[in-house]
Amino acid sequence: MTLTPEQVVQQNTSICFLNGEYLPLRDAKVSVLDRGFIFADGIYEVIPAFSGIPFRLEHHLKRLEKNLQSIKISNPYTMVEWHKIFSDIISNNNYLDTDCSLYIQVTRGVAKRDHVFPENSNPTIFVMLNPMPPASLEKLEKGLTVITRQDIRWQYCNIKSISLLGNIMLKQEAAENNADETVLIRDGNVTEGSSSNIFIVKNGVIKTPFKDNKLLPGITRDLIVEIAQKQKIACEETTVTEKELFNADEVWLSSSLKEVSPVCSINEKPVADGKPGKHWRNMYQLFQEYKASLKL
């Protein structure tokens, strides 16, 4: 997401949360010995909030808890305490009537540089808010463009680690090729995008790669599967091959910020007729209806 100059100024002066204190983002500081800085030893989470309401909050916090457990950091707050922090950040920044995203980061904290976990460090907890402009309907109608690359990342992509160098390098390749995203291939099978999950549609059946250590279990991904099941739309969590990707009738990307977006070009070749498909339009509408129901 590209911020306007006004949004950059607003972001710099916005109120964030750092280790129990609310303060302007420009004043937030952490030690250079923080293990998040030295080792990327930490976990992050991104939660959209619509009209001040965090989206699928329980699901996001359960994922945060699971990821912290996976790298042996104790969750510093209960679900109620996290909710209070998010509510305060949203209200302090006057985002009760508009959309934003919450960025949460928990690191192992400050300690001398040593690969072994320190015994008594306190975690560093940081939360900030970013404005989230509405999705561009014009861009959705045009569809996204993607490239494919080999998945060069480590073996625990299911952990939402702040160590994102592999993802960044792959995303940069997309930018350098005037594409919106890089779709990753490992051993001939699709895993995910560099910052998204992926779906294909073939003969009316929605397919998405099953969850394992090779991909992040996306909250939006799971919601799309949930909506499909509730609406009795054929949907499979399964292996998706590279060949199936290129022969799909439709391809979608999903993430907390992308929601569900159609892909109309892969490696400069059109997906089917090169236009957003009817199954995406149906899912997009169902997704928007689900969001609207949360505000009632």
C-alpha atoms as a PDB file:
ATOM      1  CA  MET A   1       0.000   0.000   0.000  1.00  0.00           C
ATOM      2  CA  THR A   2       1.423   3.401  -1.010  1.00  0.00           C
ATOM      3  CA  LEU A   3       0.695   6.206   1.457  1.00  0.00           C
ATOM      4  CA  THR A   4      -0.019   9.764   0.370  1.00  0.00           C
ATOM      5  CA  PRO A   5       2.220  12.500   1.855  1.00  0.00           C
ATOM      6  CA  GLU A   6      -0.649  13.433   4.175  1.00  0.00           C
ATOM      7  CA  GLN A   7      -0.931   9.849   5.387  1.00  0.00           C
ATOM      8  CA  VAL A   8       2.822   9.670   6.022  1.00  0.00           C
ATOM      9  CA  VAL A   9       2.596  12.765   8.215  1.00  0.00           C
ATOM     10  CA  GLN A  10      -0.445  11.323   9.982  1.00  0.00           C
ATOM     11  CA  GLN A  11       1.318   7.982  10.519  1.00  0.00           C
ATOM     12  CA  ASN A  12       4.410   9.691  11.966  1.00  0.00           C
ATOM     13  CA  THR A  13       2.315  11.588  14.528  1.00  0.00           C
ATOM     14  CA  SER A  14      -0.106   8.760  15.300  1.00  0.00           C
ATOM     15  CA  ILE A  15      -0.232   7.186  18.732  1.00  0.00           C
ATOM     16  CA  CYS A  16       1.351   3.765  19.096  1.00  0.00           C
ATOM     17  CA  PHE A  17       1.800   1.327  21.972  1.00  0.00           C
ATOM     18  CA  LEU A  18       5.257   0.282  23.150  1.00  0.00           C
ATOM     19  CA  ASN A  19       5.854  -1.813  26.259  1.00  0.00           C
ATOM     20  CA  GLY A  20       2.866  -0.528  28.178  1.00  0.00           C
ATOM     21  CA  GLU A  21       3.114   3.100  27.084  1.00  0.00           C
ATOM     22  CA  TYR A  22       1.046   5.074  24.566  1.00  0.00           C
ATOM     23  CA  LEU A  23       3.165   7.624  22.725  1.00  0.00           C
ATOM     24  CA  PRO A  24       3.586   9.301  19.311  1.00  0.00           C
ATOM     25  CA  LEU A  25       5.045   6.922  16.760  1.00  0.00           C
ATOM     26  CA  ARG A  26       7.929   9.310  16.041  1.00  0.00           C
ATOM     27  CA  ASP A  27       8.991   9.029  19.699  1.00  0.00           C
ATOM     28  CA  ALA A  28       8.908   5.223  19.917  1.00  0.00           C
ATOM     29  CA  LYS A  29      12.393   3.728  20.390  1.00  0.00           C
ATOM     30  CA  VAL A  30      13.786   0.262  21.031  1.00  0.00           C
ATOM     31  CA  SER A  31      17.298  -0.854  21.978  1.00  0.00           C
ATOM     32  CA  VAL A  32      19.735  -1.905  19.259  1.00  0.00           C
ATOM     33  CA  LEU A  33      20.216  -5.024  21.395  1.00  0.00           C
ATOM     34  CA  ASP A  34      16.582  -6.014  20.985  1.00  0.00           C
ATOM     35  CA  ARG A  35      16.604  -9.538  19.547  1.00  0.00           C
ATOM     36  CA  GLY A  36      14.029  -8.447  16.997  1.00  0.00           C
ATOM     37  CA  PHE A  37      16.638  -6.054  15.593  1.00  0.00           C
ATOM     38  CA  ILE A  38      19.634  -8.382  15.968  1.00  0.00           C
ATOM     39  CA  PHE A  39      18.080 -11.735  15.013  1.00  0.00           C
ATOM     40  CA  ALA A  40      14.540 -11.021  13.713  1.00  0.00           C
ATOM     41  CA  ASP A  41      13.564 -13.062  16.773  1.00  0.00           C
ATOM     42  CA  GLY A  42       9.870 -12.294  16.986  1.00  0.00           C
ATOM     43  CA  ILE A  43       6.337 -12.686  15.700  1.00  0.00           C
ATOM     44  CA  TYR A  44       3.974 -10.195  14.067  1.00  0.00           C
ATOM     45  CA  GLU A  45       0.290  -9.969  13.248  1.00  0.00           C
ATOM     46  CA  VAL A  46      -1.783  -7.650  11.055  1.00  0.00           C
ATOM     47  CA  ILE A  47      -5.458  -7.100  11.856  1.00  0.00           C
ATOM     48  CA  PRO A  48      -7.783  -4.961   9.724  1.00  0.00           C
ATOM     49  CA  ALA A  49     -10.341  -2.903  11.611  1.00  0.00           C
ATOM     50  CA  PHE A  50     -13.519  -1.687   9.916  1.00  0.00           C
ATOM     51  CA  SER A  51     -15.234   1.325  11.507  1.00  0.00           C
ATOM     52  CA  GLY A  52     -13.218   0.718  14.653  1.00  0.00           C
ATOM     53  CA  ILE A  53     -14.030  -3.005  14.877  1.00  0.00           C
ATOM     54  CA  PRO A  54     -11.038  -5.412  14.596  1.00  0.00           C
ATOM     55  CA  PHE A  55     -11.839  -8.035  11.970  1.00  0.00           C
ATOM     56  CA  ARG A  56     -11.921 -11.700  13.106  1.00  0.00           C
ATOM     57  CA  LEU A  57     -10.085 -10.633  16.246  1.00  0.00           C
ATOM     58  CA  GLU A  58     -10.333 -13.955  18.034  1.00  0.00           C
ATOM     59  CA  HIS A  59      -8.869 -15.769  15.022  1.00  0.00           C
ATOM     60  CA  HIS A  60      -5.974 -13.319  14.732  1.00  0.00           C
ATOM     61  CA  LEU A  61      -5.170 -13.520  18.439  1.00  0.00           C
ATOM     62  CA  LYS A  62      -5.309 -17.314  18.399  1.00  0.00           C
ATOM     63  CA  ARG A  63      -2.832 -17.294  15.519  1.00  0.00           C
ATOM     64  CA  LEU A  64      -0.614 -14.852  17.429  1.00  0.00           C
ATOM     65  CA  GLU A  65      -0.732 -17.134  20.491  1.00  0.00           C
ATOM     66  CA  LYS A  66       0.118 -20.204  18.427  1.00  0.00           C
ATOM     67  CA  ASN A  67       3.020 -18.481  16.697  1.00  0.00           C
ATOM     68  CA  LEU A  68       4.451 -17.152  19.958  1.00  0.00           C
ATOM     69  CA  GLN A  69       4.277 -20.661  21.394  1.00  0.00           C
ATOM     70  CA  SER A  70       6.060 -22.025  18.337  1.00  0.00           C
ATOM     71  CA  ILE A  71       9.137 -19.901  19.071  1.00  0.00           C
ATOM     72  CA  LYS A  72       8.820 -20.208  22.870  1.00  0.00           C
ATOM     73  CA  ILE A  73       7.790 -16.658  23.749  1.00  0.00           C
ATOM     74  CA  SER A  74       5.080 -16.343  26.380  1.00  0.00           C
ATOM     75  CA  ASN A  75       2.092 -14.313  25.272  1.00  0.00           C
ATOM     76  CA  PRO A  76       2.406 -11.083  27.299  1.00  0.00           C
ATOM     77  CA  TYR A  77      -1.340 -10.349  27.396  1.00  0.00           C
ATOM     78  CA  THR A  78      -4.688 -12.061  27.627  1.00  0.00           C
ATOM     79  CA  MET A  79      -7.219 -11.709  24.834  1.00  0.00           C
ATOM     80  CA  VAL A  80      -9.125  -9.130  26.902  1.00  0.00           C
ATOM     81  CA  GLU A  81      -5.940  -7.103  27.468  1.00  0.00           C
ATOM     82  CA  TRP A  82      -5.031  -7.192  23.775  1.00  0.00           C
ATOM     83  CA  HIS A  83      -8.532  -6.020  22.907  1.00  0.00           C
ATOM     84  CA  LYS A  84      -8.198  -3.093  25.328  1.00  0.00           C
ATOM     85  CA  ILE A  85      -4.887  -2.055  23.719  1.00  0.00           C
ATOM     86  CA  PHE A  86      -6.414  -2.191  20.236  1.00  0.00           C
ATOM     87  CA  SER A  87      -9.481  -0.227  21.324  1.00  0.00           C
ATOM     88  CA  ASP A  88      -7.291   2.439  22.893  1.00  0.00           C
ATOM     89  CA  ILE A  89      -5.070   2.717  19.794  1.00  0.00           C
ATOM     90  CA  ILE A  90      -8.095   3.047  17.517  1.00  0.00           C
ATOM     91  CA  SER A  91      -9.827   5.653  19.690  1.00  0.00           C
ATOM     92  CA  ASN A  92      -6.617   7.615  20.393  1.00  0.00           C
ATOM     93  CA  ASN A  93      -6.077   7.927  16.649  1.00  0.00           C
ATOM     94  CA  ASN A  94      -9.708   8.814  15.864  1.00  0.00           C
ATOM     95  CA  TYR A  95     -10.340   5.759  13.694  1.00  0.00           C
ATOM     96  CA  LEU A  96     -13.689   4.811  15.201  1.00  0.00           C
ATOM     97  CA  ASP A  97     -15.563   5.701  12.009  1.00  0.00           C
ATOM     98  CA  THR A  98     -13.062   4.664   9.359  1.00  0.00           C
ATOM     99  CA  ASP A  99     -10.920   1.698   8.345  1.00  0.00           C
ATOM    100  CA  CYS A 100      -7.392   0.950   9.456  1.00  0.00           C
ATOM    101  CA  SER A 101      -5.015  -1.925  10.089  1.00  0.00           C
ATOM    102  CA  LEU A 102      -3.317  -2.822  13.345  1.00  0.00           C
ATOM    103  CA  TYR A 103       0.288  -4.012  13.248  1.00  0.00           C
ATOM    104  CA  ILE A 104       1.394  -6.044  16.277  1.00  0.00           C
ATOM    105  CA  GLN A 105       4.960  -7.178  16.911  1.00  0.00           C
ATOM    106  CA  VAL A 106       6.309  -9.180  19.856  1.00  0.00           C
ATOM    107  CA  THR A 107      10.043  -9.906  20.108  1.00  0.00           C
ATOM    108  CA  ARG A 108      12.036 -11.846  22.680  1.00  0.00           C
ATOM    109  CA  GLY A 109      13.313  -8.554  24.051  1.00  0.00           C
ATOM    110  CA  VAL A 110      16.667  -6.992  24.907  1.00  0.00           C
ATOM    111  CA  ALA A 111      19.654  -9.200  25.730  1.00  0.00           C
ATOM    112  CA  LYS A 112      23.335  -9.602  24.902  1.00  0.00           C
ATOM    113  CA  ARG A 113      23.914 -10.957  21.419  1.00  0.00           C
ATOM    114  CA  ASP A 114      23.845 -14.732  21.744  1.00  0.00           C
ATOM    115  CA  HIS A 115      22.051 -17.273  19.585  1.00  0.00           C
ATOM    116  CA  VAL A 116      20.778 -19.126  22.676  1.00  0.00           C
ATOM    117  CA  PHE A 117      17.566 -17.745  24.200  1.00  0.00           C
ATOM    118  CA  PRO A 118      18.235 -15.402  27.157  1.00  0.00           C
ATOM    119  CA  GLU A 119      16.825 -16.654  30.461  1.00  0.00           C
ATOM    120  CA  ASN A 120      15.208 -13.534  31.873  1.00  0.00           C
ATOM    121  CA  SER A 121      14.477 -11.114  29.032  1.00  0.00           C
ATOM    122  CA  ASN A 122      11.153  -9.307  28.855  1.00  0.00           C
ATOM    123  CA  PRO A 123       9.401  -9.319  25.479  1.00  0.00           C
ATOM    124  CA  THR A 124       9.159  -6.109  23.486  1.00  0.00           C
ATOM    125  CA  ILE A 125       5.530  -5.402  22.573  1.00  0.00           C
ATOM    126  CA  PHE A 126       4.726  -2.889  19.840  1.00  0.00           C
ATOM    127  CA  VAL A 127       1.390  -1.951  18.263  1.00  0.00           C
ATOM    128  CA  MET A 128       0.790   0.703  15.630  1.00  0.00           C
ATOM    129  CA  LEU A 129      -2.067   1.692  13.375  1.00  0.00           C
ATOM    130  CA  ASN A 130      -2.017   2.366   9.628  1.00  0.00           C
ATOM    131  CA  PRO A 131      -4.785   3.975   7.543  1.00  0.00           C
ATOM    132  CA  MET A 132      -6.430   1.501   5.206  1.00  0.00           C
ATOM    133  CA  PRO A 133      -8.036   3.087   2.155  1.00  0.00           C
ATOM    134  CA  PRO A 134     -10.867   1.121   0.533  1.00  0.00           C
ATOM    135  CA  ALA A 135     -10.017  -1.325  -2.220  1.00  0.00           C
ATOM    136  CA  SER A 136      -9.916   0.246  -5.655  1.00  0.00           C
ATOM    137  CA  LEU A 137     -12.856  -1.160  -7.598  1.00  0.00           C
ATOM    138  CA  GLU A 138     -11.168   0.041 -10.776  1.00  0.00           C
ATOM    139  CA  LYS A 139      -8.096  -2.055  -9.974  1.00  0.00           C
ATOM    140  CA  LEU A 140     -10.209  -5.050  -9.037  1.00  0.00           C
ATOM    141  CA  GLU A 141     -12.053  -4.853 -12.345  1.00  0.00           C
ATOM    142  CA  LYS A 142      -8.717  -4.677 -14.136  1.00  0.00           C
ATOM    143  CA  GLY A 143      -7.400  -7.604 -12.121  1.00  0.00           C
ATOM    144  CA  LEU A 144      -3.991  -8.183 -10.587  1.00  0.00           C
ATOM    145  CA  THR A 145      -0.877  -9.265 -12.415  1.00  0.00           C
ATOM    146  CA  VAL A 146       1.498 -11.807 -10.917  1.00  0.00           C
ATOM    147  CA  ILE A 147       4.732 -13.580 -11.731  1.00  0.00           C
ATOM    148  CA  THR A 148       5.829 -17.022 -10.554  1.00  0.00           C
ATOM    149  CA  ARG A 149       9.126 -17.834  -8.880  1.00  0.00           C
ATOM    150  CA  GLN A 150      10.626 -20.738  -6.979  1.00  0.00           C
ATOM    151  CA  ASP A 151       9.886 -20.636  -3.259  1.00  0.00           C
ATOM    152  CA  ILE A 152      13.309 -19.858  -1.754  1.00  0.00           C
ATOM    153  CA  ARG A 153      12.119 -19.459   1.848  1.00  0.00           C
ATOM    154  CA  TRP A 154      12.762 -21.572   4.938  1.00  0.00           C
ATOM    155  CA  GLN A 155      10.853 -24.662   6.064  1.00  0.00           C
ATOM    156  CA  TYR A 156       8.535 -23.014   8.615  1.00  0.00           C
ATOM    157  CA  CYS A 157       6.495 -20.584   6.543  1.00  0.00           C
ATOM    158  CA  ASN A 158       3.490 -21.353   8.767  1.00  0.00           C
ATOM    159  CA  ILE A 159       5.163 -19.236  11.479  1.00  0.00           C
ATOM    160  CA  LYS A 160       4.384 -15.532  11.105  1.00  0.00           C
ATOM    161  CA  SER A 161       7.966 -14.532  11.780  1.00  0.00           C
ATOM    162  CA  ILE A 162       9.273 -10.972  11.456  1.00  0.00           C
ATOM    163  CA  SER A 163      12.144 -12.523   9.466  1.00  0.00           C
ATOM    164  CA  LEU A 164      10.711 -11.752   6.024  1.00  0.00           C
ATOM    165  CA  LEU A 165      13.811 -11.327   3.856  1.00  0.00           C
ATOM    166  CA  GLY A 166      12.835 -14.145   1.492  1.00  0.00           C
ATOM    167  CA  ASN A 167       9.326 -12.718   1.074  1.00  0.00           C
ATOM    168  CA  ILE A 168      10.746  -9.231   0.548  1.00  0.00           C
ATOM    169  CA  MET A 169      13.142 -10.399  -2.157  1.00  0.00           C
ATOM    170  CA  LEU A 170      10.332 -12.220  -3.951  1.00  0.00           C
ATOM    171  CA  LYS A 171       7.962  -9.253  -3.623  1.00  0.00           C
ATOM    172  CA  GLN A 172      10.663  -6.971  -5.007  1.00  0.00           C
ATOM    173  CA  GLU A 173      10.911  -9.198  -8.082  1.00  0.00           C
ATOM    174  CA  ALA A 174       7.219  -8.566  -8.669  1.00  0.00           C
ATOM    175  CA  ALA A 175       7.738  -4.814  -8.358  1.00  0.00           C
ATOM    176  CA  GLU A 176      10.681  -4.894 -10.776  1.00  0.00           C
ATOM    177  CA  ASN A 177       8.482  -6.748 -13.290  1.00  0.00           C
ATOM    178  CA  ASN A 178       5.537  -4.331 -12.915  1.00  0.00           C
ATOM    179  CA  ALA A 179       3.507  -7.048 -11.219  1.00  0.00           C
ATOM    180  CA  ASP A 180       1.379  -6.943  -8.081  1.00  0.00           C
ATOM    181  CA  GLU A 181       2.557 -10.180  -6.495  1.00  0.00           C
ATOM    182  CA  THR A 182       4.866 -13.176  -6.801  1.00  0.00           C
ATOM    183  CA  VAL A 183       3.271 -16.625  -6.647  1.00  0.00           C
ATOM    184  CA  LEU A 184       5.619 -19.209  -5.177  1.00  0.00           C
ATOM    185  CA  ILE A 185       6.298 -22.703  -6.490  1.00  0.00           C
ATOM    186  CA  ARG A 186       7.973 -25.470  -4.489  1.00  0.00           C
ATOM    187  CA  ASP A 187       8.595 -28.951  -5.911  1.00  0.00           C
ATOM    188  CA  GLY A 188       6.143 -28.257  -8.737  1.00  0.00           C
ATOM    189  CA  ASN A 189       3.317 -27.190  -6.423  1.00  0.00           C
ATOM    190  CA  VAL A 190       1.909 -23.770  -5.568  1.00  0.00           C
ATOM    191  CA  THR A 191       2.454 -22.694  -1.946  1.00  0.00           C
ATOM    192  CA  GLU A 192       1.263 -19.056  -1.645  1.00  0.00           C
ATOM    193  CA  GLY A 193       2.091 -15.517  -2.688  1.00  0.00           C
ATOM    194  CA  SER A 194       4.941 -13.528  -1.174  1.00  0.00           C
ATOM    195  CA  SER A 195       2.351 -11.700   0.969  1.00  0.00           C
ATOM    196  CA  SER A 196      -0.899 -13.532   0.245  1.00  0.00           C
ATOM    197  CA  ASN A 197      -2.650 -16.880  -0.044  1.00  0.00           C
ATOM    198  CA  ILE A 198      -3.840 -18.195  -3.386  1.00  0.00           C
ATOM    199  CA  PHE A 199      -6.967 -19.814  -4.804  1.00  0.00           C
ATOM    200  CA  ILE A 200      -7.745 -21.228  -8.216  1.00  0.00           C
ATOM    201  CA  VAL A 201     -11.084 -22.143  -9.778  1.00  0.00           C
ATOM    202  CA  LYS A 202     -11.477 -24.943 -12.318  1.00  0.00           C
ATOM    203  CA  ASN A 203     -14.827 -26.180 -13.640  1.00  0.00           C
ATOM    204  CA  GLY A 204     -16.636 -24.387 -10.831  1.00  0.00           C
ATOM    205  CA  VAL A 205     -14.526 -25.916  -8.040  1.00  0.00           C
ATOM    206  CA  ILE A 206     -12.477 -23.615  -5.802  1.00  0.00           C
ATOM    207  CA  LYS A 207      -9.089 -25.006  -4.774  1.00  0.00           C
ATOM    208  CA  THR A 208      -6.483 -23.678  -2.380  1.00  0.00           C
ATOM    209  CA  PRO A 209      -3.248 -25.277  -1.134  1.00  0.00           C
ATOM    210  CA  PHE A 210      -3.778 -27.222   2.080  1.00  0.00           C
ATOM    211  CA  LYS A 211      -2.232 -25.849   5.259  1.00  0.00           C
ATOM    212  CA  ASP A 212       1.157 -27.178   6.250  1.00  0.00           C
ATOM    213  CA  ASN A 213       4.596 -25.767   7.088  1.00  0.00           C
ATOM    214  CA  LYS A 214       5.044 -24.400   3.551  1.00  0.00           C
ATOM    215  CA  LEU A 215       2.485 -21.600   3.839  1.00  0.00           C
ATOM    216  CA  LEU A 216       0.977 -19.177   6.298  1.00  0.00           C
ATOM    217  CA  PRO A 217      -2.526 -20.133   7.486  1.00  0.00           C
ATOM    218  CA  GLY A 218      -4.222 -16.917   6.441  1.00  0.00           C
ATOM    219  CA  ILE A 219      -7.218 -15.641   8.408  1.00  0.00           C
ATOM    220  CA  THR A 220      -8.843 -14.333   5.208  1.00  0.00           C
ATOM    221  CA  ARG A 221      -7.990 -17.589   3.419  1.00  0.00           C
ATOM    222  CA  ASP A 222      -9.799 -19.553   6.118  1.00  0.00           C
ATOM    223  CA  LEU A 223     -12.789 -17.214   5.959  1.00  0.00           C
ATOM    224  CA  ILE A 224     -13.124 -17.720   2.203  1.00  0.00           C
ATOM    225  CA  VAL A 225     -13.129 -21.495   2.736  1.00  0.00           C
ATOM    226  CA  GLU A 226     -15.678 -21.036   5.541  1.00  0.00           C
ATOM    227  CA  ILE A 227     -17.949 -18.904   3.340  1.00  0.00           C
ATOM    228  CA  ALA A 228     -17.732 -21.419   0.489  1.00  0.00           C
ATOM    229  CA  GLN A 229     -18.648 -24.299   2.788  1.00  0.00           C
ATOM    230  CA  LYS A 230     -21.560 -22.370   4.311  1.00  0.00           C
ATOM    231  CA  GLN A 231     -22.878 -21.496   0.842  1.00  0.00           C
ATOM    232  CA  LYS A 232     -22.331 -25.099  -0.330  1.00  0.00           C
ATOM    233  CA  ILE A 233     -19.866 -23.952  -2.987  1.00  0.00           C
ATOM    234  CA  ALA A 234     -17.449 -26.696  -4.005  1.00  0.00           C
ATOM    235  CA  CYS A 235     -14.140 -25.889  -2.321  1.00  0.00           C
ATOM    236  CA  GLU A 236     -11.110 -28.100  -1.760  1.00  0.00           C
ATOM    237  CA  GLU A 237      -8.031 -27.648   0.405  1.00  0.00           C
ATOM    238  CA  THR A 238      -5.604 -29.718  -1.601  1.00  0.00           C
ATOM    239  CA  THR A 239      -2.397 -29.793  -3.607  1.00  0.00           C
ATOM    240  CA  VAL A 240      -2.401 -27.211  -6.404  1.00  0.00           C
ATOM    241  CA  THR A 241       0.185 -27.900  -9.075  1.00  0.00           C
ATOM    242  CA  GLU A 242       1.965 -25.318 -11.189  1.00  0.00           C
ATOM    243  CA  LYS A 243       0.213 -26.773 -14.238  1.00  0.00           C
ATOM    244  CA  GLU A 244      -3.187 -26.329 -12.571  1.00  0.00           C
ATOM    245  CA  LEU A 245      -2.322 -22.714 -11.813  1.00  0.00           C
ATOM    246  CA  PHE A 246      -1.645 -21.955 -15.479  1.00  0.00           C
ATOM    247  CA  ASN A 247      -4.734 -23.848 -16.663  1.00  0.00           C
ATOM    248  CA  ALA A 248      -7.148 -22.368 -14.110  1.00  0.00           C
ATOM    249  CA  ASP A 249     -10.392 -20.676 -15.108  1.00  0.00           C
ATOM    250  CA  GLU A 250      -9.851 -18.128 -12.324  1.00  0.00           C
ATOM    251  CA  VAL A 251      -7.066 -17.258  -9.884  1.00  0.00           C
ATOM    252  CA  TRP A 252      -7.510 -15.212  -6.703  1.00  0.00           C
ATOM    253  CA  LEU A 253      -5.240 -13.783  -4.031  1.00  0.00           C
ATOM    254  CA  SER A 254      -6.332 -13.285  -0.437  1.00  0.00           C
ATOM    255  CA  SER A 255      -4.907 -11.488   2.585  1.00  0.00           C
ATOM    256  CA  SER A 256      -6.072  -9.265   5.427  1.00  0.00           C
ATOM    257  CA  LEU A 257      -5.438  -6.170   3.291  1.00  0.00           C
ATOM    258  CA  LYS A 258      -6.153  -7.581  -0.194  1.00  0.00           C
ATOM    259  CA  GLU A 259      -9.307  -9.369   1.026  1.00  0.00           C
ATOM    260  CA  VAL A 260     -10.102 -11.443  -2.084  1.00  0.00           C
ATOM    261  CA  SER A 261      -8.706 -10.101  -5.363  1.00  0.00           C
ATOM    262  CA  PRO A 262      -8.796 -11.537  -8.901  1.00  0.00           C
ATOM    263  CA  VAL A 263      -5.629 -12.325 -10.844  1.00  0.00           C
ATOM    264  CA  CYS A 264      -5.972 -11.740 -14.569  1.00  0.00           C
ATOM    265  CA  SER A 265      -2.374 -12.208 -15.749  1.00  0.00           C
ATOM    266  CA  ILE A 266       0.384 -14.675 -14.821  1.00  0.00           C
ATOM    267  CA  ASN A 267       3.844 -14.192 -16.302  1.00  0.00           C
ATOM    268  CA  GLU A 268       2.342 -11.768 -18.832  1.00  0.00           C
ATOM    269  CA  LYS A 269      -0.186 -14.353 -20.022  1.00  0.00           C
ATOM    270  CA  PRO A 270      -3.924 -13.924 -19.389  1.00  0.00           C
ATOM    271  CA  VAL A 271      -5.832 -16.120 -16.972  1.00  0.00           C
ATOM    272  CA  ALA A 272      -8.646 -17.552 -19.120  1.00  0.00           C
ATOM    273  CA  ASP A 273     -10.162 -14.520 -20.900  1.00  0.00           C
ATOM    274  CA  GLY A 274      -8.070 -12.061 -18.869  1.00  0.00           C
ATOM    275  CA  LYS A 275     -11.033 -10.695 -16.906  1.00  0.00           C
ATOM    276  CA  PRO A 276     -12.310 -11.218 -13.351  1.00  0.00           C
ATOM    277  CA  GLY A 277     -14.511 -14.312 -13.342  1.00  0.00           C
ATOM    278  CA  LYS A 278     -18.060 -14.935 -12.147  1.00  0.00           C
ATOM    279  CA  HIS A 279     -16.943 -17.113  -9.233  1.00  0.00           C
ATOM    280  CA  TRP A 280     -14.704 -14.334  -7.929  1.00  0.00           C
ATOM    281  CA  ARG A 281     -17.553 -11.831  -8.267  1.00  0.00           C
ATOM    282  CA  ASN A 282     -19.797 -14.111  -6.241  1.00  0.00           C
ATOM    283  CA  MET A 283     -17.186 -14.643  -3.517  1.00  0.00           C
ATOM    284  CA  TYR A 284     -16.320 -10.952  -3.411  1.00  0.00           C
ATOM    285  CA  GLN A 285     -19.999 -10.126  -2.842  1.00  0.00           C
ATOM    286  CA  LEU A 286     -20.346 -12.781  -0.142  1.00  0.00           C
ATOM    287  CA  PHE A 287     -17.189 -11.473   1.543  1.00  0.00           C
ATOM    288  CA  GLN A 288     -18.533  -7.905   1.575  1.00  0.00           C
ATOM    289  CA  GLU A 289     -21.856  -9.125   2.976  1.00  0.00           C
ATOM    290  CA  TYR A 290     -19.988 -10.916   5.760  1.00  0.00           C
ATOM    291  CA  LYS A 291     -18.082  -7.721   6.608  1.00  0.00           C
ATOM    292  CA  ALA A 292     -21.296  -5.688   6.623  1.00  0.00           C
ATOM    293  CA  SER A 293     -22.962  -8.179   8.961  1.00  0.00           C
ATOM    294  CA  LEU A 294     -20.302  -7.529  11.594  1.00  0.00           C
ATOM    295  CA  LYS A 295     -21.261  -3.849  11.801  1.00  0.00           C
ATOM    296  CA  LEU A 296     -24.933  -4.463  12.522  1.00  0.00           C
END
